[in-house]
PDB file of N, CA and C in Angstrom:
ATOM      1  N   MET A   1     -89.382  66.590  69.681  1.00  0.00           N
ATOM      2  CA  MET A   1     -87.920  66.553  69.551  1.00  0.00           C
ATOM      3  C   MET A   1     -87.325  65.836  70.746  1.00  0.00           C
ATOM      4  N   ARG A   2     -86.496  64.876  70.501  1.00  0.00           N
ATOM      5  CA  ARG A   2     -85.844  64.088  71.572  1.00  0.00           C
ATOM      6  C   ARG A   2     -84.629  64.875  72.107  1.00  0.00           C
ATOM      7  N   PRO A   3     -84.427  64.753  73.438  1.00  0.00           N
ATOM      8  CA  PRO A   3     -83.223  65.352  74.004  1.00  0.00           C
ATOM      9  C   PRO A   3     -81.986  64.573  73.535  1.00  0.00           C
ATOM     10  N   LYS A   4     -80.879  65.269  73.439  1.00  0.00           N
ATOM     11  CA  LYS A   4     -79.629  64.587  73.025  1.00  0.00           C
ATOM     12  C   LYS A   4     -79.250  63.544  74.049  1.00  0.00           C
ATOM     13  N   LYS A   5     -78.840  62.400  73.584  1.00  0.00           N
ATOM     14  CA  LYS A   5     -78.437  61.335  74.473  1.00  0.00           C
ATOM     15  C   LYS A   5     -76.969  61.514  74.805  1.00  0.00           C
ATOM     16  N   GLU A   6     -76.663  61.601  76.100  1.00  0.00           N
ATOM     17  CA  GLU A   6     -75.280  61.792  76.536  1.00  0.00           C
ATOM     18  C   GLU A   6     -74.530  60.510  76.301  1.00  0.00           C
ATOM     19  N   PRO A   7     -73.272  60.627  75.920  1.00  0.00           N
ATOM     20  CA  PRO A   7     -72.449  59.413  75.845  1.00  0.00           C
ATOM     21  C   PRO A   7     -72.262  58.786  77.200  1.00  0.00           C
ATOM     22  N   LYS A   8     -72.177  57.493  77.272  1.00  0.00           N
ATOM     23  CA  LYS A   8     -72.006  56.836  78.577  1.00  0.00           C
ATOM     24  C   LYS A   8     -70.653  57.210  79.148  1.00  0.00           C
ATOM     25  N   LYS A   9     -70.671  57.465  80.427  1.00  0.00           N
ATOM     26  CA  LYS A   9     -69.442  57.813  81.164  1.00  0.00           C
ATOM     27  C   LYS A   9     -68.985  56.504  81.784  1.00  0.00           C
ATOM     28  N   GLU A  10     -67.887  55.977  81.263  1.00  0.00           N
ATOM     29  CA  GLU A  10     -67.365  54.705  81.722  1.00  0.00           C
ATOM     30  C   GLU A  10     -66.060  54.896  82.511  1.00  0.00           C
ATOM     31  N   VAL A  11     -65.827  54.011  83.446  1.00  0.00           N
ATOM     32  CA  VAL A  11     -64.563  54.017  84.168  1.00  0.00           C
ATOM     33  C   VAL A  11     -64.194  52.577  84.448  1.00  0.00           C
ATOM     34  N   GLY A  12     -62.918  52.243  84.221  1.00  0.00           N
ATOM     35  CA  GLY A  12     -62.478  50.914  84.496  1.00  0.00           C
ATOM     36  C   GLY A  12     -62.273  50.681  85.981  1.00  0.00           C
ATOM     37  N   VAL A  13     -62.294  49.420  86.390  1.00  0.00           N
ATOM     38  CA  VAL A  13     -62.154  49.080  87.783  1.00  0.00           C
ATOM     39  C   VAL A  13     -60.805  49.611  88.350  1.00  0.00           C
ATOM     40  N   ARG A  14     -59.718  49.422  87.616  1.00  0.00           N
ATOM     41  CA  ARG A  14     -58.428  49.863  88.138  1.00  0.00           C
ATOM     42  C   ARG A  14     -58.399  51.400  88.278  1.00  0.00           C
ATOM     43  N   GLU A  15     -58.892  52.112  87.245  1.00  0.00           N
ATOM     44  CA  GLU A  15     -58.934  53.563  87.304  1.00  0.00           C
ATOM     45  C   GLU A  15     -59.804  54.039  88.455  1.00  0.00           C
ATOM     46  N   LEU A  16     -60.923  53.384  88.672  1.00  0.00           N
ATOM     47  CA  LEU A  16     -61.814  53.756  89.787  1.00  0.00           C
ATOM     48  C   LEU A  16     -61.115  53.549  91.107  1.00  0.00           C
ATOM     49  N   ARG A  17     -60.484  52.418  91.236  1.00  0.00           N
ATOM     50  CA  ARG A  17     -59.803  52.089  92.516  1.00  0.00           C
ATOM     51  C   ARG A  17     -58.678  53.130  92.814  1.00  0.00           C
ATOM     52  N   GLN A  18     -57.927  53.507  91.783  1.00  0.00           N
ATOM     53  CA  GLN A  18     -56.798  54.420  91.977  1.00  0.00           C
ATOM     54  C   GLN A  18     -57.275  55.862  92.246  1.00  0.00           C
ATOM     55  N   ASN A  19     -58.419  56.247  91.738  1.00  0.00           N
ATOM     56  CA  ASN A  19     -58.948  57.625  91.876  1.00  0.00           C
ATOM     57  C   ASN A  19     -60.326  57.682  92.399  1.00  0.00           C
ATOM     58  N   LEU A  20     -60.605  56.827  93.412  1.00  0.00           N
ATOM     59  CA  LEU A  20     -61.961  56.711  93.927  1.00  0.00           C
ATOM     60  C   LEU A  20     -62.579  58.031  94.392  1.00  0.00           C
ATOM     61  N   SER A  21     -61.793  58.827  95.102  1.00  0.00           N
ATOM     62  CA  SER A  21     -62.342  60.092  95.621  1.00  0.00           C
ATOM     63  C   SER A  21     -62.778  61.031  94.477  1.00  0.00           C
ATOM     64  N   VAL A  22     -62.010  61.040  93.383  1.00  0.00           N
ATOM     65  CA  VAL A  22     -62.362  61.867  92.216  1.00  0.00           C
ATOM     66  C   VAL A  22     -63.721  61.452  91.665  1.00  0.00           C
ATOM     67  N   TYR A  23     -63.894  60.125  91.483  1.00  0.00           N
ATOM     68  CA  TYR A  23     -65.144  59.654  90.923  1.00  0.00           C
ATOM     69  C   TYR A  23     -66.326  59.752  91.876  1.00  0.00           C
ATOM     70  N   LEU A  24     -66.047  59.637  93.157  1.00  0.00           N
ATOM     71  CA  LEU A  24     -67.148  59.863  94.144  1.00  0.00           C
ATOM     72  C   LEU A  24     -67.625  61.262  94.106  1.00  0.00           C
ATOM     73  N   ARG A  25     -66.703  62.241  93.965  1.00  0.00           N
ATOM     74  CA  ARG A  25     -67.124  63.655  93.837  1.00  0.00           C
ATOM     75  C   ARG A  25     -67.995  63.845  92.606  1.00  0.00           C
ATOM     76  N   ARG A  26     -67.637  63.188  91.531  1.00  0.00           N
ATOM     77  CA  ARG A  26     -68.458  63.307  90.296  1.00  0.00           C
ATOM     78  C   ARG A  26     -69.853  62.747  90.516  1.00  0.00           C
ATOM     79  N   VAL A  27     -69.932  61.629  91.214  1.00  0.00           N
ATOM     80  CA  VAL A  27     -71.238  61.009  91.532  1.00  0.00           C
ATOM     81  C   VAL A  27     -72.047  61.920  92.470  1.00  0.00           C
ATOM     82  N   ILE A  28     -71.397  62.487  93.425  1.00  0.00           N
ATOM     83  CA  ILE A  28     -72.086  63.419  94.364  1.00  0.00           C
ATOM     84  C   ILE A  28     -72.685  64.577  93.592  1.00  0.00           C
ATOM     85  N   ARG A  29     -72.032  65.002  92.541  1.00  0.00           N
ATOM     86  CA  ARG A  29     -72.530  66.123  91.706  1.00  0.00           C
ATOM     87  C   ARG A  29     -73.670  65.693  90.784  1.00  0.00           C
ATOM     88  N   GLY A  30     -73.970  64.398  90.793  1.00  0.00           N
ATOM     89  CA  GLY A  30     -75.104  63.903  90.002  1.00  0.00           C
ATOM     90  C   GLY A  30     -74.785  63.028  88.843  1.00  0.00           C
ATOM     91  N   GLU A  31     -73.526  62.805  88.556  1.00  0.00           N
ATOM     92  CA  GLU A  31     -73.175  61.946  87.414  1.00  0.00           C
ATOM     93  C   GLU A  31     -73.414  60.471  87.700  1.00  0.00           C
ATOM     94  N   THR A  32     -73.727  59.719  86.693  1.00  0.00           N
ATOM     95  CA  THR A  32     -73.826  58.281  86.790  1.00  0.00           C
ATOM     96  C   THR A  32     -72.721  57.681  85.964  1.00  0.00           C
ATOM     97  N   LEU A  33     -71.990  56.760  86.543  1.00  0.00           N
ATOM     98  CA  LEU A  33     -70.854  56.141  85.869  1.00  0.00           C
ATOM     99  C   LEU A  33     -71.080  54.639  85.707  1.00  0.00           C
ATOM    100  N   GLU A  34     -70.646  54.133  84.555  1.00  0.00           N
ATOM    101  CA  GLU A  34     -70.670  52.699  84.323  1.00  0.00           C
ATOM    102  C   GLU A  34     -69.292  52.155  84.600  1.00  0.00           C
ATOM    103  N   VAL A  35     -69.195  51.194  85.526  1.00  0.00           N
ATOM    104  CA  VAL A  35     -67.926  50.602  85.870  1.00  0.00           C
ATOM    105  C   VAL A  35     -67.683  49.399  84.988  1.00  0.00           C
ATOM    106  N   THR A  36     -66.516  49.346  84.371  1.00  0.00           N
ATOM    107  CA  THR A  36     -66.180  48.231  83.467  1.00  0.00           C
ATOM    108  C   THR A  36     -64.974  47.443  83.976  1.00  0.00           C
ATOM    109  N   ASP A  37     -64.967  46.161  83.644  1.00  0.00           N
ATOM    110  CA  ASP A  37     -63.875  45.270  83.981  1.00  0.00           C
ATOM    111  C   ASP A  37     -63.462  44.604  82.677  1.00  0.00           C
ATOM    112  N   ARG A  38     -62.272  44.950  82.185  1.00  0.00           N
ATOM    113  CA  ARG A  38     -61.804  44.436  80.892  1.00  0.00           C
ATOM    114  C   ARG A  38     -62.766  44.746  79.774  1.00  0.00           C
ATOM    115  N   GLY A  39     -63.323  45.940  79.813  1.00  0.00           N
ATOM    116  CA  GLY A  39     -64.216  46.416  78.736  1.00  0.00           C
ATOM    117  C   GLY A  39     -65.648  45.943  78.851  1.00  0.00           C
ATOM    118  N   ARG A  40     -65.975  45.143  79.882  1.00  0.00           N
ATOM    119  CA  ARG A  40     -67.344  44.643  80.077  1.00  0.00           C
ATOM    120  C   ARG A  40     -67.957  45.387  81.259  1.00  0.00           C
ATOM    121  N   ALA A  41     -69.198  45.919  81.028  1.00  0.00           N
ATOM    122  CA  ALA A  41     -69.888  46.614  82.099  1.00  0.00           C
ATOM    123  C   ALA A  41     -70.225  45.655  83.244  1.00  0.00           C
ATOM    124  N   VAL A  42     -69.868  46.088  84.482  1.00  0.00           N
ATOM    125  CA  VAL A  42     -70.110  45.213  85.636  1.00  0.00           C
ATOM    126  C   VAL A  42     -70.969  45.918  86.719  1.00  0.00           C
ATOM    127  N   ALA A  43     -71.018  47.242  86.698  1.00  0.00           N
ATOM    128  CA  ALA A  43     -71.750  47.937  87.729  1.00  0.00           C
ATOM    129  C   ALA A  43     -72.096  49.358  87.287  1.00  0.00           C
ATOM    130  N   ILE A  44     -73.031  49.906  87.985  1.00  0.00           N
ATOM    131  CA  ILE A  44     -73.403  51.325  87.788  1.00  0.00           C
ATOM    132  C   ILE A  44     -73.134  52.050  89.111  1.00  0.00           C
ATOM    133  N   LEU A  45     -72.453  53.121  89.061  1.00  0.00           N
ATOM    134  CA  LEU A  45     -72.178  53.988  90.233  1.00  0.00           C
ATOM    135  C   LEU A  45     -73.024  55.264  90.027  1.00  0.00           C
ATOM    136  N   ALA A  46     -74.041  55.420  90.897  1.00  0.00           N
ATOM    137  CA  ALA A  46     -75.007  56.490  90.705  1.00  0.00           C
ATOM    138  C   ALA A  46     -75.285  57.143  92.084  1.00  0.00           C
ATOM    139  N   PRO A  47     -75.753  58.406  92.049  1.00  0.00           N
ATOM    140  CA  PRO A  47     -76.126  59.064  93.302  1.00  0.00           C
ATOM    141  C   PRO A  47     -77.354  58.362  93.912  1.00  0.00           C
ATOM    142  N   LEU A  48     -77.401  58.409  95.268  1.00  0.00           N
ATOM    143  CA  LEU A  48     -78.589  57.868  95.971  1.00  0.00           C
ATOM    144  C   LEU A  48     -79.773  58.741  95.646  1.00  0.00           C
ATOM    145  N   PRO A  49     -80.977  58.158  95.552  1.00  0.00           N
ATOM    146  CA  PRO A  49     -82.179  58.991  95.392  1.00  0.00           C
ATOM    147  C   PRO A  49     -82.385  59.833  96.615  1.00  0.00           C
ATOM    148  N   LYS A  50     -82.918  61.013  96.416  1.00  0.00           N
ATOM    149  CA  LYS A  50     -83.133  61.936  97.539  1.00  0.00           C
ATOM    150  C   LYS A  50     -84.501  61.738  98.134  1.00  0.00           C
ATOM    151  N   HIS A  51     -84.660  60.750  98.969  1.00  0.00           N
ATOM    152  CA  HIS A  51     -85.941  60.483  99.655  1.00  0.00           C
ATOM    153  C   HIS A  51     -85.981  61.355 100.914  1.00  0.00           C
ATOM    154  N   THR A  52     -87.148  61.869 101.180  1.00  0.00           N
ATOM    155  CA  THR A  52     -87.314  62.750 102.328  1.00  0.00           C
ATOM    156  C   THR A  52     -87.619  61.979 103.596  1.00  0.00           C
ATOM    157  N   SER A  53     -88.081  60.759 103.505  1.00  0.00           N
ATOM    158  CA  SER A  53     -88.435  60.043 104.701  1.00  0.00           C
ATOM    159  C   SER A  53     -88.210  58.539 104.527  1.00  0.00           C
ATOM    160  N   ILE A  54     -88.263  57.840 105.615  1.00  0.00           N
ATOM    161  CA  ILE A  54     -88.116  56.360 105.577  1.00  0.00           C
ATOM    162  C   ILE A  54     -89.297  55.760 104.787  1.00  0.00           C
ATOM    163  N   LEU A  55     -90.465  56.369 104.879  1.00  0.00           N
ATOM    164  CA  LEU A  55     -91.614  55.851 104.121  1.00  0.00           C
ATOM    165  C   LEU A  55     -91.378  55.966 102.613  1.00  0.00           C
ATOM    166  N   ASP A  56     -90.817  57.106 102.181  1.00  0.00           N
ATOM    167  CA  ASP A  56     -90.510  57.281 100.748  1.00  0.00           C
ATOM    168  C   ASP A  56     -89.514  56.199 100.277  1.00  0.00           C
ATOM    169  N   ARG A  57     -88.495  55.922 101.113  1.00  0.00           N
ATOM    170  CA  ARG A  57     -87.492  54.923 100.720  1.00  0.00           C
ATOM    171  C   ARG A  57     -88.134  53.545 100.621  1.00  0.00           C
ATOM    172  N   LEU A  58     -88.954  53.173 101.623  1.00  0.00           N
ATOM    173  CA  LEU A  58     -89.608  51.869 101.576  1.00  0.00           C
ATOM    174  C   LEU A  58     -90.544  51.749 100.394  1.00  0.00           C
ATOM    175  N   GLU A  59     -91.206  52.808 100.096  1.00  0.00           N
ATOM    176  CA  GLU A  59     -92.126  52.809  98.912  1.00  0.00           C
ATOM    177  C   GLU A  59     -91.362  52.630  97.643  1.00  0.00           C
ATOM    178  N   ALA A  60     -90.226  53.292  97.518  1.00  0.00           N
ATOM    179  CA  ALA A  60     -89.367  53.187  96.329  1.00  0.00           C
ATOM    180  C   ALA A  60     -88.812  51.784  96.164  1.00  0.00           C
ATOM    181  N   GLU A  61     -88.551  51.121  97.297  1.00  0.00           N
ATOM    182  CA  GLU A  61     -88.038  49.741  97.257  1.00  0.00           C
ATOM    183  C   GLU A  61     -89.120  48.700  97.048  1.00  0.00           C
ATOM    184  N   GLY A  62     -90.379  49.151  97.036  1.00  0.00           N
ATOM    185  CA  GLY A  62     -91.515  48.234  96.818  1.00  0.00           C
ATOM    186  C   GLY A  62     -91.850  47.466  98.078  1.00  0.00           C
ATOM    187  N   ARG A  63     -91.405  47.924  99.223  1.00  0.00           N
ATOM    188  CA  ARG A  63     -91.689  47.237 100.504  1.00  0.00           C
ATOM    189  C   ARG A  63     -92.846  47.875 101.247  1.00  0.00           C
ATOM    190  N   LEU A  64     -93.448  48.925 100.655  1.00  0.00           N
ATOM    191  CA  LEU A  64     -94.551  49.641 101.305  1.00  0.00           C
ATOM    192  C   LEU A  64     -95.553  50.083 100.268  1.00  0.00           C
ATOM    193  N   ILE A  65     -96.805  49.904 100.572  1.00  0.00           N
ATOM    194  CA  ILE A  65     -97.897  50.445  99.750  1.00  0.00           C
ATOM    195  C   ILE A  65     -98.661  51.373 100.630  1.00  0.00           C
ATOM    196  N   ARG A  66     -98.677  52.625 100.258  1.00  0.00           N
ATOM    197  CA  ARG A  66     -99.357  53.626 101.120  1.00  0.00           C
ATOM    198  C   ARG A  66    -100.828  53.464 101.052  1.00  0.00           C
ATOM    199  N   ALA A  67    -101.491  53.735 102.171  1.00  0.00           N
ATOM    200  CA  ALA A  67    -102.938  53.649 102.313  1.00  0.00           C
ATOM    201  C   ALA A  67    -103.573  54.721 101.444  1.00  0.00           C
ATOM    202  N   THR A  68    -104.730  54.413 100.872  1.00  0.00           N
ATOM    203  CA  THR A  68    -105.418  55.424 100.046  1.00  0.00           C
ATOM    204  C   THR A  68    -106.702  55.881 100.697  1.00  0.00           C
ATOM    205  N   GLY A  69    -107.228  55.076 101.647  1.00  0.00           N
ATOM    206  CA  GLY A  69    -108.504  55.436 102.286  1.00  0.00           C
ATOM    207  C   GLY A  69    -108.298  56.303 103.511  1.00  0.00           C
ATOM    208  N   ASP A  70    -109.420  56.744 104.063  1.00  0.00           N
ATOM    209  CA  ASP A  70    -109.387  57.564 105.251  1.00  0.00           C
ATOM    210  C   ASP A  70    -109.714  56.712 106.459  1.00  0.00           C
ATOM    211  N   LEU A  71    -108.774  56.607 107.390  1.00  0.00           N
ATOM    212  CA  LEU A  71    -108.953  55.805 108.584  1.00  0.00           C
ATOM    213  C   LEU A  71    -110.133  56.227 109.408  1.00  0.00           C
ATOM    214  N   LEU A  72    -110.378  57.506 109.451  1.00  0.00           N
ATOM    215  CA  LEU A  72    -111.523  58.032 110.258  1.00  0.00           C
ATOM    216  C   LEU A  72    -112.871  57.722 109.591  1.00  0.00           C
ATOM    217  N   ALA A  73    -112.866  57.383 108.324  1.00  0.00           N
ATOM    218  CA  ALA A  73    -114.106  57.071 107.648  1.00  0.00           C
ATOM    219  C   ALA A  73    -114.593  55.631 107.914  1.00  0.00           C
ATOM    220  N   LEU A  74    -113.762  54.822 108.518  1.00  0.00           N
ATOM    221  CA  LEU A  74    -114.118  53.447 108.807  1.00  0.00           C
ATOM    222  C   LEU A  74    -115.246  53.436 109.856  1.00  0.00           C
ATOM    223  N   LYS A  75    -116.189  52.493 109.654  1.00  0.00           N
ATOM    224  CA  LYS A  75    -117.272  52.322 110.640  1.00  0.00           C
ATOM    225  C   LYS A  75    -116.784  51.517 111.824  1.00  0.00           C
ATOM    226  N   ARG A  76    -117.261  51.867 112.988  1.00  0.00           N
ATOM    227  CA  ARG A  76    -116.890  51.114 114.186  1.00  0.00           C
ATOM    228  C   ARG A  76    -117.571  49.742 114.136  1.00  0.00           C
ATOM    229  N   PRO A  77    -116.880  48.697 114.583  1.00  0.00           N
ATOM    230  CA  PRO A  77    -117.548  47.370 114.598  1.00  0.00           C
ATOM    231  C   PRO A  77    -118.623  47.339 115.664  1.00  0.00           C
ATOM    232  N   LYS A  78    -119.654  46.534 115.387  1.00  0.00           N
ATOM    233  CA  LYS A  78    -120.748  46.387 116.378  1.00  0.00           C
ATOM    234  C   LYS A  78    -120.263  45.367 117.395  1.00  0.00           C
ATOM    235  N   ILE A  79    -120.389  45.760 118.648  1.00  0.00           N
ATOM    236  CA  ILE A  79    -119.961  44.887 119.737  1.00  0.00           C
ATOM    237  C   ILE A  79    -121.195  44.354 120.439  1.00  0.00           C
ATOM    238  N   ARG A  80    -121.239  43.039 120.518  1.00  0.00           N
ATOM    239  CA  ARG A  80    -122.376  42.402 121.199  1.00  0.00           C
ATOM    240  C   ARG A  80    -122.227  42.629 122.722  1.00  0.00           C
ATOM    241  N   PRO A  81    -123.339  42.848 123.376  1.00  0.00           N
ATOM    242  CA  PRO A  81    -123.198  42.983 124.825  1.00  0.00           C
ATOM    243  C   PRO A  81    -122.759  41.649 125.428  1.00  0.00           C
ATOM    244  N   PRO A  82    -121.873  41.665 126.399  1.00  0.00           N
ATOM    245  CA  PRO A  82    -121.401  40.411 126.983  1.00  0.00           C
ATOM    246  C   PRO A  82    -122.529  39.721 127.749  1.00  0.00           C
ATOM    247  N   ARG A  83    -122.361  38.412 127.838  1.00  0.00           N
ATOM    248  CA  ARG A  83    -123.324  37.613 128.625  1.00  0.00           C
ATOM    249  C   ARG A  83    -123.155  37.985 130.094  1.00  0.00           C
ATOM    250  N   PRO A  84    -124.193  37.863 130.841  1.00  0.00           N
ATOM    251  CA  PRO A  84    -124.073  38.124 132.268  1.00  0.00           C
ATOM    252  C   PRO A  84    -123.045  37.174 132.906  1.00  0.00           C
ATOM    253  N   THR A  85    -122.301  37.715 133.869  1.00  0.00           N
ATOM    254  CA  THR A  85    -121.264  36.934 134.538  1.00  0.00           C
ATOM    255  C   THR A  85    -121.837  35.674 135.197  1.00  0.00           C
ATOM    256  N   SER A  86    -123.013  35.796 135.781  1.00  0.00           N
ATOM    257  CA  SER A  86    -123.613  34.662 136.419  1.00  0.00           C
ATOM    258  C   SER A  86    -123.850  33.528 135.493  1.00  0.00           C
ATOM    259  N   GLU A  87    -124.231  33.841 134.255  1.00  0.00           N
ATOM    260  CA  GLU A  87    -124.490  32.819 133.228  1.00  0.00           C
ATOM    261  C   GLU A  87    -123.188  32.115 132.880  1.00  0.00           C
ATOM    262  N   MET A  88    -122.093  32.881 132.744  1.00  0.00           N
ATOM    263  CA  MET A  88    -120.806  32.252 132.409  1.00  0.00           C
ATOM    264  C   MET A  88    -120.301  31.399 133.552  1.00  0.00           C
ATOM    265  N   LEU A  89    -120.496  31.815 134.792  1.00  0.00           N
ATOM    266  CA  LEU A  89    -120.090  31.027 135.950  1.00  0.00           C
ATOM    267  C   LEU A  89    -120.900  29.733 136.024  1.00  0.00           C
ATOM    268  N   ASP A  90    -122.180  29.802 135.774  1.00  0.00           N
ATOM    269  CA  ASP A  90    -123.023  28.608 135.808  1.00  0.00           C
ATOM    270  C   ASP A  90    -122.535  27.621 134.747  1.00  0.00           C
ATOM    271  N   GLU A  91    -122.162  28.083 133.588  1.00  0.00           N
ATOM    272  CA  GLU A  91    -121.682  27.230 132.531  1.00  0.00           C
ATOM    273  C   GLU A  91    -120.358  26.580 132.925  1.00  0.00           C
ATOM    274  N   GLU A  92    -119.412  27.315 133.540  1.00  0.00           N
ATOM    275  CA  GLU A  92    -118.138  26.767 134.018  1.00  0.00           C
ATOM    276  C   GLU A  92    -118.371  25.694 135.082  1.00  0.00           C
ATOM    277  N   ARG A  93    -119.262  25.966 135.995  1.00  0.00           N
ATOM    278  CA  ARG A  93    -119.538  25.000 137.069  1.00  0.00           C
ATOM    279  C   ARG A  93    -120.157  23.748 136.504  1.00  0.00           C
ATOM    280  N   ALA A  94    -121.010  23.864 135.501  1.00  0.00           N
ATOM    281  CA  ALA A  94    -121.676  22.689 134.920  1.00  0.00           C
ATOM    282  C   ALA A  94    -120.647  21.805 134.234  1.00  0.00           C
ATOM    283  N   ASP A  95    -119.597  22.384 133.651  1.00  0.00           N
ATOM    284  CA  ASP A  95    -118.533  21.616 133.003  1.00  0.00           C
ATOM    285  C   ASP A  95    -117.741  20.785 133.994  1.00  0.00           C
ATOM    286  N   ARG A  96    -117.597  21.240 135.220  1.00  0.00           N
ATOM    287  CA  ARG A  96    -116.803  20.533 136.228  1.00  0.00           C
ATOM    288  C   ARG A  96    -117.560  19.359 136.865  1.00  0.00           C
ATOM    289  N   LEU A  97    -118.846  19.368 136.805  1.00  0.00           N
ATOM    290  CA  LEU A  97    -119.646  18.331 137.436  1.00  0.00           C
ATOM    291  C   LEU A  97    -119.817  17.099 136.582  1.00  0.00           C
TER     292      LEU A  97
END
């Protein structure tokens, strides 16, 4: 069974401008309004999503993809032992001659 579809709540630009605080209170209570200009829909006035953190907001905007792996499970890279300093100095000196 489908839920009943609510009729669209529309408000004209002039009406919205003259009674902005009234319509903002309605939006704060959770209503979504369609703003019309000469009978043509031009905007939607809706409550902001209730994100709990900046990460939630960035994810909702598609600007963040959360990591799925475990950072601690990564293997440490193998580090080659450095060449002896004397060897590197000999090489530098050979380049100057």
